[in-house]
Amino acid sequence: MAETEHGIYFVEEIAEGIYKFYEQRNASIYLVKGEEKACLIDTAYGLTDLNELVRHYTDLPVTVVNNVQ
């Protein structure tokens, strides 16, 4: 599927309702939309207002899951 550019992010819908956000092509974030909620997997470097980007793709309540190492 085609990529869309949003500031420092490149966004690709990899399956219906599943988006991959590439932050400066160095880090990946995934948004998975369900019927009632959405899940944001990782927040990358946090260089910009990620909420603004997420809200472009969904108005559902979002749960954020981060991998801390």
PDB file of N, CA and C in Angstrom:
ATOM      1  N   MET A   1       0.831  -1.178   0.000  1.00  0.00           N
ATOM      2  CA  MET A   1       0.000   0.000   0.000  1.00  0.00           C
ATOM      3  C   MET A   1       0.882   1.251   0.000  1.00  0.00           C
ATOM      4  N   ALA A   2       0.343   2.340  -0.439  1.00  0.00           N
ATOM      5  CA  ALA A   2       1.104   3.579  -0.576  1.00  0.00           C
ATOM      6  C   ALA A   2       1.360   4.243   0.774  1.00  0.00           C
ATOM      7  N   GLU A   3       2.494   4.926   0.853  1.00  0.00           N
ATOM      8  CA  GLU A   3       2.834   5.696   2.041  1.00  0.00           C
ATOM      9  C   GLU A   3       2.268   7.107   1.930  1.00  0.00           C
ATOM     10  N   THR A   4       1.953   7.667   3.093  1.00  0.00           N
ATOM     11  CA  THR A   4       1.525   9.052   3.194  1.00  0.00           C
ATOM     12  C   THR A   4       2.496   9.750   4.134  1.00  0.00           C
ATOM     13  N   GLU A   5       2.919  10.944   3.799  1.00  0.00           N
ATOM     14  CA  GLU A   5       3.849  11.679   4.643  1.00  0.00           C
ATOM     15  C   GLU A   5       3.089  12.644   5.547  1.00  0.00           C
ATOM     16  N   HIS A   6       3.424  12.609   6.847  1.00  0.00           N
ATOM     17  CA  HIS A   6       2.840  13.510   7.858  1.00  0.00           C
ATOM     18  C   HIS A   6       4.000  14.078   8.670  1.00  0.00           C
ATOM     19  N   GLY A   7       4.538  15.195   8.263  1.00  0.00           N
ATOM     20  CA  GLY A   7       5.678  15.773   8.976  1.00  0.00           C
ATOM     21  C   GLY A   7       6.855  14.832   8.944  1.00  0.00           C
ATOM     22  N   ILE A   8       7.351  14.439  10.128  1.00  0.00           N
ATOM     23  CA  ILE A   8       8.497  13.524  10.182  1.00  0.00           C
ATOM     24  C   ILE A   8       8.085  12.057  10.073  1.00  0.00           C
ATOM     25  N   TYR A   9       6.784  11.808   9.938  1.00  0.00           N
ATOM     26  CA  TYR A   9       6.281  10.438   9.872  1.00  0.00           C
ATOM     27  C   TYR A   9       5.908  10.052   8.447  1.00  0.00           C
ATOM     28  N   PHE A  10       6.167   8.803   8.130  1.00  0.00           N
ATOM     29  CA  PHE A  10       5.670   8.194   6.903  1.00  0.00           C
ATOM     30  C   PHE A  10       4.705   7.114   7.357  1.00  0.00           C
ATOM     31  N   VAL A  11       3.508   7.113   6.816  1.00  0.00           N
ATOM     32  CA  VAL A  11       2.451   6.224   7.294  1.00  0.00           C
ATOM     33  C   VAL A  11       2.041   5.275   6.183  1.00  0.00           C
ATOM     34  N   GLU A  12       1.905   4.008   6.549  1.00  0.00           N
ATOM     35  CA  GLU A  12       1.476   2.988   5.600  1.00  0.00           C
ATOM     36  C   GLU A  12       0.381   2.142   6.259  1.00  0.00           C
ATOM     37  N   GLU A  13      -0.743   1.975   5.592  1.00  0.00           N
ATOM     38  CA  GLU A  13      -1.758   1.051   6.088  1.00  0.00           C
ATOM     39  C   GLU A  13      -1.343  -0.332   5.615  1.00  0.00           C
ATOM     40  N   ILE A  14      -0.913  -1.191   6.546  1.00  0.00           N
ATOM     41  CA  ILE A  14      -0.367  -2.496   6.171  1.00  0.00           C
ATOM     42  C   ILE A  14      -1.437  -3.578   6.097  1.00  0.00           C
ATOM     43  N   ALA A  15      -2.582  -3.333   6.685  1.00  0.00           N
ATOM     44  CA  ALA A  15      -3.760  -4.194   6.590  1.00  0.00           C
ATOM     45  C   ALA A  15      -4.946  -3.314   6.979  1.00  0.00           C
ATOM     46  N   GLU A  16      -6.131  -3.784   6.766  1.00  0.00           N
ATOM     47  CA  GLU A  16      -7.296  -2.963   7.096  1.00  0.00           C
ATOM     48  C   GLU A  16      -7.293  -2.599   8.577  1.00  0.00           C
ATOM     49  N   GLY A  17      -7.215  -1.303   8.869  1.00  0.00           N
ATOM     50  CA  GLY A  17      -7.241  -0.825  10.246  1.00  0.00           C
ATOM     51  C   GLY A  17      -5.932  -0.960  10.996  1.00  0.00           C
ATOM     52  N   ILE A  18      -4.856  -1.340  10.318  1.00  0.00           N
ATOM     53  CA  ILE A  18      -3.539  -1.476  10.952  1.00  0.00           C
ATOM     54  C   ILE A  18      -2.562  -0.575  10.202  1.00  0.00           C
ATOM     55  N   TYR A  19      -1.980   0.365  10.945  1.00  0.00           N
ATOM     56  CA  TYR A  19      -1.086   1.353  10.344  1.00  0.00           C
ATOM     57  C   TYR A  19       0.312   1.235  10.936  1.00  0.00           C
ATOM     58  N   LYS A  20       1.299   1.448  10.089  1.00  0.00           N
ATOM     59  CA  LYS A  20       2.689   1.517  10.533  1.00  0.00           C
ATOM     60  C   LYS A  20       3.149   2.942  10.315  1.00  0.00           C
ATOM     61  N   PHE A  21       3.596   3.598  11.405  1.00  0.00           N
ATOM     62  CA  PHE A  21       4.131   4.941  11.341  1.00  0.00           C
ATOM     63  C   PHE A  21       5.650   4.822  11.446  1.00  0.00           C
ATOM     64  N   TYR A  22       6.369   5.339  10.485  1.00  0.00           N
ATOM     65  CA  TYR A  22       7.827   5.347  10.519  1.00  0.00           C
ATOM     66  C   TYR A  22       8.263   6.740  10.963  1.00  0.00           C
ATOM     67  N   GLU A  23       8.907   6.845  12.123  1.00  0.00           N
ATOM     68  CA  GLU A  23       9.385   8.144  12.588  1.00  0.00           C
ATOM     69  C   GLU A  23      10.776   8.368  12.024  1.00  0.00           C
ATOM     70  N   GLN A  24      10.903   9.307  11.135  1.00  0.00           N
ATOM     71  CA  GLN A  24      12.148   9.642  10.442  1.00  0.00           C
ATOM     72  C   GLN A  24      12.813   8.401   9.842  1.00  0.00           C
ATOM     73  N   ARG A  25      12.031   7.408   9.536  1.00  0.00           N
ATOM     74  CA  ARG A  25      12.511   6.141   8.985  1.00  0.00           C
ATOM     75  C   ARG A  25      13.505   5.410   9.901  1.00  0.00           C
ATOM     76  N   ASN A  26      13.521   5.786  11.189  1.00  0.00           N
ATOM     77  CA  ASN A  26      14.422   5.150  12.154  1.00  0.00           C
ATOM     78  C   ASN A  26      13.690   4.285  13.167  1.00  0.00           C
ATOM     79  N   ALA A  27      12.429   4.572  13.396  1.00  0.00           N
ATOM     80  CA  ALA A  27      11.664   3.844  14.410  1.00  0.00           C
ATOM     81  C   ALA A  27      10.256   3.589  13.891  1.00  0.00           C
ATOM     82  N   SER A  28       9.669   2.500  14.320  1.00  0.00           N
ATOM     83  CA  SER A  28       8.323   2.137  13.861  1.00  0.00           C
ATOM     84  C   SER A  28       7.334   2.156  15.011  1.00  0.00           C
ATOM     85  N   ILE A  29       6.153   2.631  14.699  1.00  0.00           N
ATOM     86  CA  ILE A  29       5.028   2.681  15.629  1.00  0.00           C
ATOM     87  C   ILE A  29       3.861   2.018  14.913  1.00  0.00           C
ATOM     88  N   TYR A  30       3.059   1.254  15.632  1.00  0.00           N
ATOM     89  CA  TYR A  30       1.900   0.613  15.018  1.00  0.00           C
ATOM     90  C   TYR A  30       0.621   1.101  15.681  1.00  0.00           C
ATOM     91  N   LEU A  31      -0.388   1.343  14.874  1.00  0.00           N
ATOM     92  CA  LEU A  31      -1.720   1.685  15.357  1.00  0.00           C
ATOM     93  C   LEU A  31      -2.668   0.606  14.860  1.00  0.00           C
ATOM     94  N   VAL A  32      -3.340  -0.057  15.800  1.00  0.00           N
ATOM     95  CA  VAL A  32      -4.288  -1.112  15.462  1.00  0.00           C
ATOM     96  C   VAL A  32      -5.668  -0.651  15.909  1.00  0.00           C
ATOM     97  N   LYS A  33      -6.573  -0.515  14.963  1.00  0.00           N
ATOM     98  CA  LYS A  33      -7.927  -0.041  15.265  1.00  0.00           C
ATOM     99  C   LYS A  33      -8.881  -1.212  15.379  1.00  0.00           C
ATOM    100  N   GLY A  34      -9.610  -1.232  16.493  1.00  0.00           N
ATOM    101  CA  GLY A  34     -10.666  -2.210  16.680  1.00  0.00           C
ATOM    102  C   GLY A  34     -12.011  -1.545  16.475  1.00  0.00           C
ATOM    103  N   GLU A  35     -13.067  -2.207  16.908  1.00  0.00           N
ATOM    104  CA  GLU A  35     -14.401  -1.632  16.759  1.00  0.00           C
ATOM    105  C   GLU A  35     -14.681  -0.569  17.813  1.00  0.00           C
ATOM    106  N   GLU A  36     -14.170  -0.776  19.036  1.00  0.00           N
ATOM    107  CA  GLU A  36     -14.452   0.156  20.130  1.00  0.00           C
ATOM    108  C   GLU A  36     -13.222   0.880  20.652  1.00  0.00           C
ATOM    109  N   LYS A  37     -12.043   0.329  20.447  1.00  0.00           N
ATOM    110  CA  LYS A  37     -10.799   0.899  20.950  1.00  0.00           C
ATOM    111  C   LYS A  37      -9.701   0.729  19.910  1.00  0.00           C
ATOM    112  N   ALA A  38      -8.610   1.455  20.133  1.00  0.00           N
ATOM    113  CA  ALA A  38      -7.423   1.314  19.302  1.00  0.00           C
ATOM    114  C   ALA A  38      -6.224   1.092  20.219  1.00  0.00           C
ATOM    115  N   CYS A  39      -5.180   0.512  19.668  1.00  0.00           N
ATOM    116  CA  CYS A  39      -3.960   0.265  20.434  1.00  0.00           C
ATOM    117  C   CYS A  39      -2.788   0.859  19.667  1.00  0.00           C
ATOM    118  N   LEU A  40      -1.994   1.671  20.349  1.00  0.00           N
ATOM    119  CA  LEU A  40      -0.786   2.235  19.777  1.00  0.00           C
ATOM    120  C   LEU A  40       0.383   1.473  20.371  1.00  0.00           C
ATOM    121  N   ILE A  41       1.159   0.819  19.527  1.00  0.00           N
ATOM    122  CA  ILE A  41       2.272  -0.001  19.988  1.00  0.00           C
ATOM    123  C   ILE A  41       3.561   0.775  19.756  1.00  0.00           C
ATOM    124  N   ASP A  42       4.168   1.208  20.842  1.00  0.00           N
ATOM    125  CA  ASP A  42       5.395   1.991  20.903  1.00  0.00           C
ATOM    126  C   ASP A  42       5.103   3.462  20.616  1.00  0.00           C
ATOM    127  N   THR A  43       5.989   4.324  21.051  1.00  0.00           N
ATOM    128  CA  THR A  43       5.856   5.758  20.814  1.00  0.00           C
ATOM    129  C   THR A  43       7.113   6.343  20.187  1.00  0.00           C
ATOM    130  N   ALA A  44       8.054   5.490  19.805  1.00  0.00           N
ATOM    131  CA  ALA A  44       9.304   5.889  19.153  1.00  0.00           C
ATOM    132  C   ALA A  44      10.045   6.911  20.007  1.00  0.00           C
ATOM    133  N   TYR A  45      10.585   7.952  19.376  1.00  0.00           N
ATOM    134  CA  TYR A  45      11.422   8.921  20.079  1.00  0.00           C
ATOM    135  C   TYR A  45      10.641  10.070  20.705  1.00  0.00           C
ATOM    136  N   GLY A  46       9.396  10.241  20.316  1.00  0.00           N
ATOM    137  CA  GLY A  46       8.585  11.321  20.868  1.00  0.00           C
ATOM    138  C   GLY A  46       9.037  12.702  20.425  1.00  0.00           C
ATOM    139  N   LEU A  47       9.456  12.814  19.181  1.00  0.00           N
ATOM    140  CA  LEU A  47       9.988  14.077  18.669  1.00  0.00           C
ATOM    141  C   LEU A  47       8.915  15.109  18.334  1.00  0.00           C
ATOM    142  N   THR A  48       7.683  14.658  18.146  1.00  0.00           N
ATOM    143  CA  THR A  48       6.595  15.576  17.801  1.00  0.00           C
ATOM    144  C   THR A  48       5.333  15.165  18.553  1.00  0.00           C
ATOM    145  N   ASP A  49       4.244  15.843  18.254  1.00  0.00           N
ATOM    146  CA  ASP A  49       2.956  15.550  18.880  1.00  0.00           C
ATOM    147  C   ASP A  49       2.361  14.297  18.228  1.00  0.00           C
ATOM    148  N   LEU A  50       2.646  13.157  18.808  1.00  0.00           N
ATOM    149  CA  LEU A  50       2.171  11.889  18.270  1.00  0.00           C
ATOM    150  C   LEU A  50       0.650  11.794  18.353  1.00  0.00           C
ATOM    151  N   ASN A  51       0.053  12.399  19.376  1.00  0.00           N
ATOM    152  CA  ASN A  51      -1.397  12.366  19.517  1.00  0.00           C
ATOM    153  C   ASN A  51      -2.079  12.982  18.297  1.00  0.00           C
ATOM    154  N   GLU A  52      -1.531  14.059  17.777  1.00  0.00           N
ATOM    155  CA  GLU A  52      -2.101  14.699  16.588  1.00  0.00           C
ATOM    156  C   GLU A  52      -2.120  13.721  15.403  1.00  0.00           C
ATOM    157  N   LEU A  53      -1.043  12.986  15.233  1.00  0.00           N
ATOM    158  CA  LEU A  53      -0.979  12.002  14.148  1.00  0.00           C
ATOM    159  C   LEU A  53      -1.997  10.888  14.370  1.00  0.00           C
ATOM    160  N   VAL A  54      -2.056  10.345  15.572  1.00  0.00           N
ATOM    161  CA  VAL A  54      -2.991   9.258  15.880  1.00  0.00           C
ATOM    162  C   VAL A  54      -4.424   9.716  15.640  1.00  0.00           C
ATOM    163  N   ARG A  55      -4.757  10.921  16.070  1.00  0.00           N
ATOM    164  CA  ARG A  55      -6.116  11.437  15.914  1.00  0.00           C
ATOM    165  C   ARG A  55      -6.480  11.669  14.450  1.00  0.00           C
ATOM    166  N   HIS A  56      -5.487  11.763  13.591  1.00  0.00           N
ATOM    167  CA  HIS A  56      -5.763  11.860  12.152  1.00  0.00           C
ATOM    168  C   HIS A  56      -6.351  10.538  11.639  1.00  0.00           C
ATOM    169  N   TYR A  57      -6.001   9.429  12.292  1.00  0.00           N
ATOM    170  CA  TYR A  57      -6.411   8.104  11.834  1.00  0.00           C
ATOM    171  C   TYR A  57      -7.537   7.477  12.646  1.00  0.00           C
ATOM    172  N   THR A  58      -7.770   7.961  13.870  1.00  0.00           N
ATOM    173  CA  THR A  58      -8.866   7.404  14.668  1.00  0.00           C
ATOM    174  C   THR A  58      -9.326   8.390  15.735  1.00  0.00           C
ATOM    175  N   ASP A  59     -10.595   8.301  16.057  1.00  0.00           N
ATOM    176  CA  ASP A  59     -11.124   9.072  17.183  1.00  0.00           C
ATOM    177  C   ASP A  59     -11.521   8.138  18.328  1.00  0.00           C
ATOM    178  N   LEU A  60     -11.168   6.869  18.218  1.00  0.00           N
ATOM    179  CA  LEU A  60     -11.440   5.878  19.257  1.00  0.00           C
ATOM    180  C   LEU A  60     -10.542   6.113  20.466  1.00  0.00           C
ATOM    181  N   PRO A  61     -10.939   5.638  21.654  1.00  0.00           N
ATOM    182  CA  PRO A  61     -10.034   5.654  22.800  1.00  0.00           C
ATOM    183  C   PRO A  61      -8.793   4.804  22.463  1.00  0.00           C
ATOM    184  N   VAL A  62      -7.620   5.271  22.857  1.00  0.00           N
ATOM    185  CA  VAL A  62      -6.364   4.588  22.495  1.00  0.00           C
ATOM    186  C   VAL A  62      -5.619   4.137  23.739  1.00  0.00           C
ATOM    187  N   THR A  63      -5.213   2.874  23.749  1.00  0.00           N
ATOM    188  CA  THR A  63      -4.326   2.328  24.772  1.00  0.00           C
ATOM    189  C   THR A  63      -2.929   2.302  24.182  1.00  0.00           C
ATOM    190  N   VAL A  64      -1.942   2.787  24.953  1.00  0.00           N
ATOM    191  CA  VAL A  64      -0.564   2.829  24.484  1.00  0.00           C
ATOM    192  C   VAL A  64       0.228   1.725  25.166  1.00  0.00           C
ATOM    193  N   VAL A  65       0.992   0.964  24.376  1.00  0.00           N
ATOM    194  CA  VAL A  65       1.840  -0.107  24.881  1.00  0.00           C
ATOM    195  C   VAL A  65       3.272   0.230  24.476  1.00  0.00           C
ATOM    196  N   ASN A  66       4.165   0.340  25.458  1.00  0.00           N
ATOM    197  CA  ASN A  66       5.567   0.631  25.189  1.00  0.00           C
ATOM    198  C   ASN A  66       6.442  -0.526  25.639  1.00  0.00           C
ATOM    199  N   ASN A  67       7.501  -0.760  24.919  1.00  0.00           N
ATOM    200  CA  ASN A  67       8.503  -1.754  25.271  1.00  0.00           C
ATOM    201  C   ASN A  67       9.656  -1.018  25.922  1.00  0.00           C
ATOM    202  N   VAL A  68       9.863  -1.238  27.212  1.00  0.00           N
ATOM    203  CA  VAL A  68      10.940  -0.577  27.930  1.00  0.00           C
ATOM    204  C   VAL A  68      12.062  -1.573  28.115  1.00  0.00           C
ATOM    205  N   GLN A  69      13.251  -1.163  27.707  1.00  0.00           N
ATOM    206  CA  GLN A  69      14.404  -2.066  27.851  1.00  0.00           C
ATOM    207  C   GLN A  69      15.446  -1.460  28.729  1.00  0.00           C
TER     208      GLN A  69
END
